[in-house]
Amino acid sequence: MKGYLYNVTISGDRSCSDDLLYYVEHRLFPAWSEREGWSAAKLLRIPTPVEDGVSVALQFELASPALLEGFELIEDPLVTRVLELYGERVGFFPTLMEIIGR
C-alpha cells in the first residue's frame, strides 16, 4: 500500500510572520499530529529568496483519503482563529497527493 500525503502550505506576510510561525509550531502542528490516522508528521519551512513573510508546510501521511472525511480545513477551530486574527494576510493551501513511489 502506497498511501497518500496531505500537505497544507501556510503563507503569511511579514506583519504577522513571527506570530504565525509560533502558532503553527506550538498549536496547529501538535494538534493535527494527534489526529487519528495522520502519521509521519512533518513541519517544514519553505525558503524564499526575499523574506517578505513566512511560508511553511505541514505534511501528514494517510492510508486513505477517507481519513479526511469530516475534516474541513476552513472550519477547523485553529485555522478559524488564525483567519480571524490575520485575515487576508495569511493563506492556507491544502493538497492531497497519492504516493506512487518510495
N, C-alpha and C. Protein backbone atom coordinates (compact mmCIF):
# COMPACT_ATOMS: atom_id res chain seq x y z
N MET A 1 0.85 -1.17 0.00
CA MET A 1 0.00 0.00 0.00
C MET A 1 0.90 1.24 0.00
N LYS A 2 0.64 2.13 -0.92
CA LYS A 2 1.48 3.31 -1.05
C LYS A 2 0.99 4.47 -0.20
N GLY A 3 -0.31 4.74 -0.15
CA GLY A 3 -0.84 5.77 0.73
C GLY A 3 -0.95 7.13 0.07
N TYR A 4 -1.18 8.12 0.92
CA TYR A 4 -1.42 9.50 0.48
C TYR A 4 -0.63 10.45 1.36
N LEU A 5 -0.33 11.60 0.81
CA LEU A 5 0.34 12.67 1.54
C LEU A 5 -0.60 13.87 1.53
N TYR A 6 -0.97 14.33 2.72
CA TYR A 6 -1.79 15.53 2.85
C TYR A 6 -0.87 16.67 3.24
N ASN A 7 -0.80 17.67 2.39
CA ASN A 7 0.08 18.82 2.59
C ASN A 7 -0.78 20.07 2.74
N VAL A 8 -0.50 20.86 3.74
CA VAL A 8 -1.13 22.17 3.88
C VAL A 8 -0.01 23.20 3.94
N THR A 9 0.06 24.04 2.90
CA THR A 9 1.02 25.13 2.87
C THR A 9 0.35 26.36 3.46
N ILE A 10 1.05 27.03 4.34
CA ILE A 10 0.53 28.23 5.01
C ILE A 10 1.51 29.36 4.74
N SER A 11 0.99 30.46 4.22
CA SER A 11 1.83 31.63 3.95
C SER A 11 1.28 32.84 4.68
N GLY A 12 2.18 33.60 5.29
CA GLY A 12 1.79 34.82 5.99
C GLY A 12 2.73 35.95 5.63
N ASP A 13 2.20 37.16 5.57
CA ASP A 13 3.07 38.29 5.23
C ASP A 13 3.92 38.70 6.43
N ARG A 14 4.84 39.60 6.18
CA ARG A 14 5.84 39.99 7.18
C ARG A 14 5.20 40.51 8.47
N SER A 15 4.06 41.18 8.38
CA SER A 15 3.44 41.79 9.56
C SER A 15 3.00 40.78 10.62
N CYS A 16 2.82 39.53 10.21
CA CYS A 16 2.37 38.53 11.19
C CYS A 16 3.24 37.27 11.18
N SER A 17 4.38 37.30 10.50
CA SER A 17 5.16 36.08 10.29
C SER A 17 5.66 35.44 11.58
N ASP A 18 6.16 36.22 12.52
CA ASP A 18 6.67 35.62 13.76
C ASP A 18 5.55 34.97 14.57
N ASP A 19 4.44 35.69 14.72
CA ASP A 19 3.30 35.15 15.47
C ASP A 19 2.73 33.91 14.78
N LEU A 20 2.62 33.97 13.46
CA LEU A 20 2.07 32.85 12.70
C LEU A 20 2.96 31.62 12.85
N LEU A 21 4.25 31.79 12.70
CA LEU A 21 5.17 30.66 12.83
C LEU A 21 5.08 30.04 14.22
N TYR A 22 5.02 30.86 15.25
CA TYR A 22 4.89 30.35 16.61
C TYR A 22 3.59 29.56 16.77
N TYR A 23 2.49 30.10 16.28
CA TYR A 23 1.18 29.46 16.41
C TYR A 23 1.15 28.12 15.68
N VAL A 24 1.68 28.10 14.47
CA VAL A 24 1.70 26.85 13.70
C VAL A 24 2.56 25.82 14.41
N GLU A 25 3.73 26.23 14.88
CA GLU A 25 4.67 25.29 15.51
C GLU A 25 4.16 24.77 16.86
N HIS A 26 3.50 25.61 17.64
CA HIS A 26 3.14 25.24 19.01
C HIS A 26 1.67 24.89 19.21
N ARG A 27 0.81 25.21 18.27
CA ARG A 27 -0.61 24.92 18.44
C ARG A 27 -1.15 24.02 17.32
N LEU A 28 -1.06 24.51 16.09
CA LEU A 28 -1.67 23.81 14.96
C LEU A 28 -0.99 22.48 14.67
N PHE A 29 0.32 22.49 14.50
CA PHE A 29 1.05 21.27 14.18
C PHE A 29 0.88 20.18 15.25
N PRO A 30 1.06 20.50 16.54
CA PRO A 30 0.85 19.45 17.55
C PRO A 30 -0.58 18.90 17.55
N ALA A 31 -1.57 19.76 17.39
CA ALA A 31 -2.96 19.30 17.41
C ALA A 31 -3.25 18.38 16.23
N TRP A 32 -2.81 18.77 15.06
CA TRP A 32 -3.07 17.93 13.88
C TRP A 32 -2.25 16.65 13.93
N SER A 33 -1.09 16.67 14.55
CA SER A 33 -0.25 15.47 14.66
C SER A 33 -0.93 14.39 15.49
N GLU A 34 -1.88 14.78 16.33
CA GLU A 34 -2.59 13.83 17.18
C GLU A 34 -3.83 13.24 16.51
N ARG A 35 -4.16 13.70 15.31
CA ARG A 35 -5.35 13.19 14.62
C ARG A 35 -5.16 11.72 14.28
N GLU A 36 -6.18 10.94 14.50
CA GLU A 36 -6.11 9.51 14.24
C GLU A 36 -5.90 9.24 12.75
N GLY A 37 -4.89 8.43 12.46
CA GLY A 37 -4.61 8.05 11.09
C GLY A 37 -3.71 9.00 10.33
N TRP A 38 -3.36 10.14 10.93
CA TRP A 38 -2.43 11.09 10.31
C TRP A 38 -1.05 10.77 10.89
N SER A 39 -0.17 10.24 10.08
CA SER A 39 1.13 9.80 10.59
C SER A 39 2.28 10.51 9.87
N ALA A 40 3.49 10.20 10.31
CA ALA A 40 4.72 10.74 9.72
C ALA A 40 4.64 12.26 9.56
N ALA A 41 4.22 12.92 10.62
CA ALA A 41 4.02 14.38 10.60
C ALA A 41 5.34 15.11 10.37
N LYS A 42 5.27 16.13 9.52
CA LYS A 42 6.44 16.98 9.26
C LYS A 42 6.00 18.43 9.23
N LEU A 43 6.82 19.29 9.80
CA LEU A 43 6.63 20.74 9.71
C LEU A 43 7.86 21.28 8.99
N LEU A 44 7.64 21.92 7.86
CA LEU A 44 8.74 22.35 7.00
C LEU A 44 8.64 23.85 6.73
N ARG A 45 9.77 24.52 6.81
CA ARG A 45 9.81 25.93 6.43
C ARG A 45 10.19 25.99 4.95
N ILE A 46 9.49 26.80 4.19
CA ILE A 46 9.76 26.93 2.77
C ILE A 46 10.64 28.17 2.57
N PRO A 47 11.89 27.97 2.16
CA PRO A 47 12.77 29.12 1.98
C PRO A 47 12.34 29.96 0.77
N THR A 48 12.45 31.25 0.92
CA THR A 48 12.15 32.16 -0.17
C THR A 48 13.35 33.08 -0.37
N PRO A 49 13.61 33.52 -1.60
CA PRO A 49 14.77 34.36 -1.85
C PRO A 49 14.72 35.69 -1.08
N VAL A 50 13.55 36.28 -1.02
CA VAL A 50 13.38 37.54 -0.29
C VAL A 50 12.38 37.26 0.82
N GLU A 51 12.77 37.54 2.05
CA GLU A 51 11.92 37.22 3.20
C GLU A 51 10.84 38.27 3.38
N ASP A 52 9.77 38.13 2.59
CA ASP A 52 8.63 39.05 2.69
C ASP A 52 7.60 38.54 3.70
N GLY A 53 7.87 37.43 4.30
CA GLY A 53 6.95 36.82 5.24
C GLY A 53 7.45 35.42 5.55
N VAL A 54 6.51 34.53 5.81
CA VAL A 54 6.88 33.16 6.13
C VAL A 54 5.96 32.21 5.38
N SER A 55 6.53 31.10 4.92
CA SER A 55 5.75 30.02 4.32
C SER A 55 6.22 28.72 4.95
N VAL A 56 5.26 27.93 5.39
CA VAL A 56 5.55 26.63 5.97
C VAL A 56 4.61 25.60 5.37
N ALA A 57 5.01 24.35 5.46
CA ALA A 57 4.16 23.25 5.01
C ALA A 57 4.03 22.25 6.14
N LEU A 58 2.82 21.79 6.35
CA LEU A 58 2.55 20.70 7.28
C LEU A 58 2.21 19.50 6.42
N GLN A 59 2.87 18.37 6.67
CA GLN A 59 2.64 17.18 5.87
C GLN A 59 2.35 15.99 6.77
N PHE A 60 1.39 15.19 6.30
CA PHE A 60 0.97 14.00 7.04
C PHE A 60 0.72 12.87 6.05
N GLU A 61 1.13 11.67 6.41
CA GLU A 61 0.81 10.51 5.59
C GLU A 61 -0.51 9.93 6.05
N LEU A 62 -1.33 9.54 5.06
CA LEU A 62 -2.64 8.95 5.31
C LEU A 62 -2.72 7.63 4.55
N ALA A 63 -3.32 6.63 5.14
CA ALA A 63 -3.51 5.36 4.44
C ALA A 63 -4.58 5.49 3.37
N SER A 64 -5.52 6.41 3.60
CA SER A 64 -6.66 6.56 2.69
C SER A 64 -7.17 8.00 2.74
N PRO A 65 -7.69 8.51 1.62
CA PRO A 65 -8.29 9.85 1.66
C PRO A 65 -9.53 9.89 2.55
N ALA A 66 -10.07 8.73 2.87
CA ALA A 66 -11.24 8.68 3.76
C ALA A 66 -10.92 9.28 5.13
N LEU A 67 -9.64 9.33 5.50
CA LEU A 67 -9.25 9.92 6.78
C LEU A 67 -9.47 11.43 6.81
N LEU A 68 -9.72 12.03 5.66
CA LEU A 68 -10.03 13.46 5.60
C LEU A 68 -11.53 13.73 5.65
N GLU A 69 -12.34 12.68 5.58
CA GLU A 69 -13.79 12.86 5.66
C GLU A 69 -14.15 13.49 7.00
N GLY A 70 -14.97 14.51 6.93
CA GLY A 70 -15.37 15.22 8.14
C GLY A 70 -14.39 16.30 8.56
N PHE A 71 -13.24 16.39 7.88
CA PHE A 71 -12.27 17.44 8.18
C PHE A 71 -12.39 18.52 7.12
N GLU A 72 -12.83 19.69 7.53
CA GLU A 72 -12.90 20.85 6.64
C GLU A 72 -11.88 21.86 7.13
N LEU A 73 -10.84 22.07 6.34
CA LEU A 73 -9.75 22.96 6.74
C LEU A 73 -10.27 24.30 7.21
N ILE A 74 -11.12 24.91 6.44
CA ILE A 74 -11.60 26.27 6.73
C ILE A 74 -12.48 26.31 7.99
N GLU A 75 -12.99 25.14 8.41
CA GLU A 75 -13.85 25.08 9.60
C GLU A 75 -13.10 24.63 10.84
N ASP A 76 -11.83 24.24 10.69
CA ASP A 76 -11.04 23.82 11.84
C ASP A 76 -10.89 25.02 12.79
N PRO A 77 -11.20 24.85 14.08
CA PRO A 77 -11.14 25.98 15.01
C PRO A 77 -9.78 26.68 15.08
N LEU A 78 -8.70 25.92 14.93
CA LEU A 78 -7.37 26.53 14.97
C LEU A 78 -7.11 27.38 13.72
N VAL A 79 -7.60 26.93 12.58
CA VAL A 79 -7.47 27.69 11.34
C VAL A 79 -8.36 28.92 11.40
N THR A 80 -9.58 28.73 11.88
CA THR A 80 -10.52 29.85 12.01
C THR A 80 -9.92 30.96 12.87
N ARG A 81 -9.25 30.59 13.94
CA ARG A 81 -8.63 31.58 14.83
C ARG A 81 -7.57 32.40 14.09
N VAL A 82 -6.74 31.74 13.32
CA VAL A 82 -5.71 32.45 12.54
C VAL A 82 -6.36 33.42 11.56
N LEU A 83 -7.39 32.96 10.87
CA LEU A 83 -8.06 33.81 9.89
C LEU A 83 -8.77 34.99 10.55
N GLU A 84 -9.31 34.78 11.74
CA GLU A 84 -9.94 35.89 12.48
C GLU A 84 -8.90 36.94 12.85
N LEU A 85 -7.72 36.49 13.26
CA LEU A 85 -6.67 37.42 13.69
C LEU A 85 -6.00 38.15 12.52
N TYR A 86 -5.73 37.43 11.43
CA TYR A 86 -4.88 37.99 10.38
C TYR A 86 -5.57 38.17 9.03
N GLY A 87 -6.75 37.61 8.86
CA GLY A 87 -7.50 37.80 7.62
C GLY A 87 -6.70 37.44 6.38
N GLU A 88 -6.70 38.35 5.42
CA GLU A 88 -6.08 38.10 4.12
C GLU A 88 -4.55 38.11 4.16
N ARG A 89 -3.97 38.40 5.31
CA ARG A 89 -2.51 38.38 5.42
C ARG A 89 -1.97 36.95 5.51
N VAL A 90 -2.88 35.98 5.66
CA VAL A 90 -2.50 34.57 5.77
C VAL A 90 -3.32 33.76 4.78
N GLY A 91 -2.66 32.80 4.14
CA GLY A 91 -3.37 31.89 3.23
C GLY A 91 -3.05 30.45 3.56
N PHE A 92 -4.06 29.59 3.44
CA PHE A 92 -3.93 28.15 3.64
C PHE A 92 -4.19 27.46 2.31
N PHE A 93 -3.29 26.56 1.91
CA PHE A 93 -3.40 25.91 0.61
C PHE A 93 -3.23 24.40 0.78
N PRO A 94 -4.35 23.65 0.85
CA PRO A 94 -4.28 22.20 1.05
C PRO A 94 -4.10 21.44 -0.27
N THR A 95 -3.36 20.34 -0.21
CA THR A 95 -3.17 19.47 -1.36
C THR A 95 -3.13 18.03 -0.87
N LEU A 96 -3.90 17.17 -1.51
CA LEU A 96 -3.85 15.73 -1.23
C LEU A 96 -3.14 15.08 -2.42
N MET A 97 -2.08 14.32 -2.13
CA MET A 97 -1.31 13.67 -3.18
C MET A 97 -1.25 12.17 -2.93
N GLU A 98 -1.34 11.40 -3.99
CA GLU A 98 -1.19 9.95 -3.87
C GLU A 98 0.29 9.61 -3.99
N ILE A 99 0.79 8.82 -3.07
CA ILE A 99 2.18 8.37 -3.11
C ILE A 99 2.25 7.19 -4.08
N ILE A 100 3.02 7.35 -5.14
CA ILE A 100 3.11 6.27 -6.14
C ILE A 100 4.48 5.62 -6.17
N GLY A 101 5.39 6.11 -5.36
CA GLY A 101 6.72 5.51 -5.29
C GLY A 101 7.45 5.98 -4.05
N ARG A 102 8.38 5.15 -3.59
CA ARG A 102 9.22 5.49 -2.43
C ARG A 102 10.64 5.09 -2.71
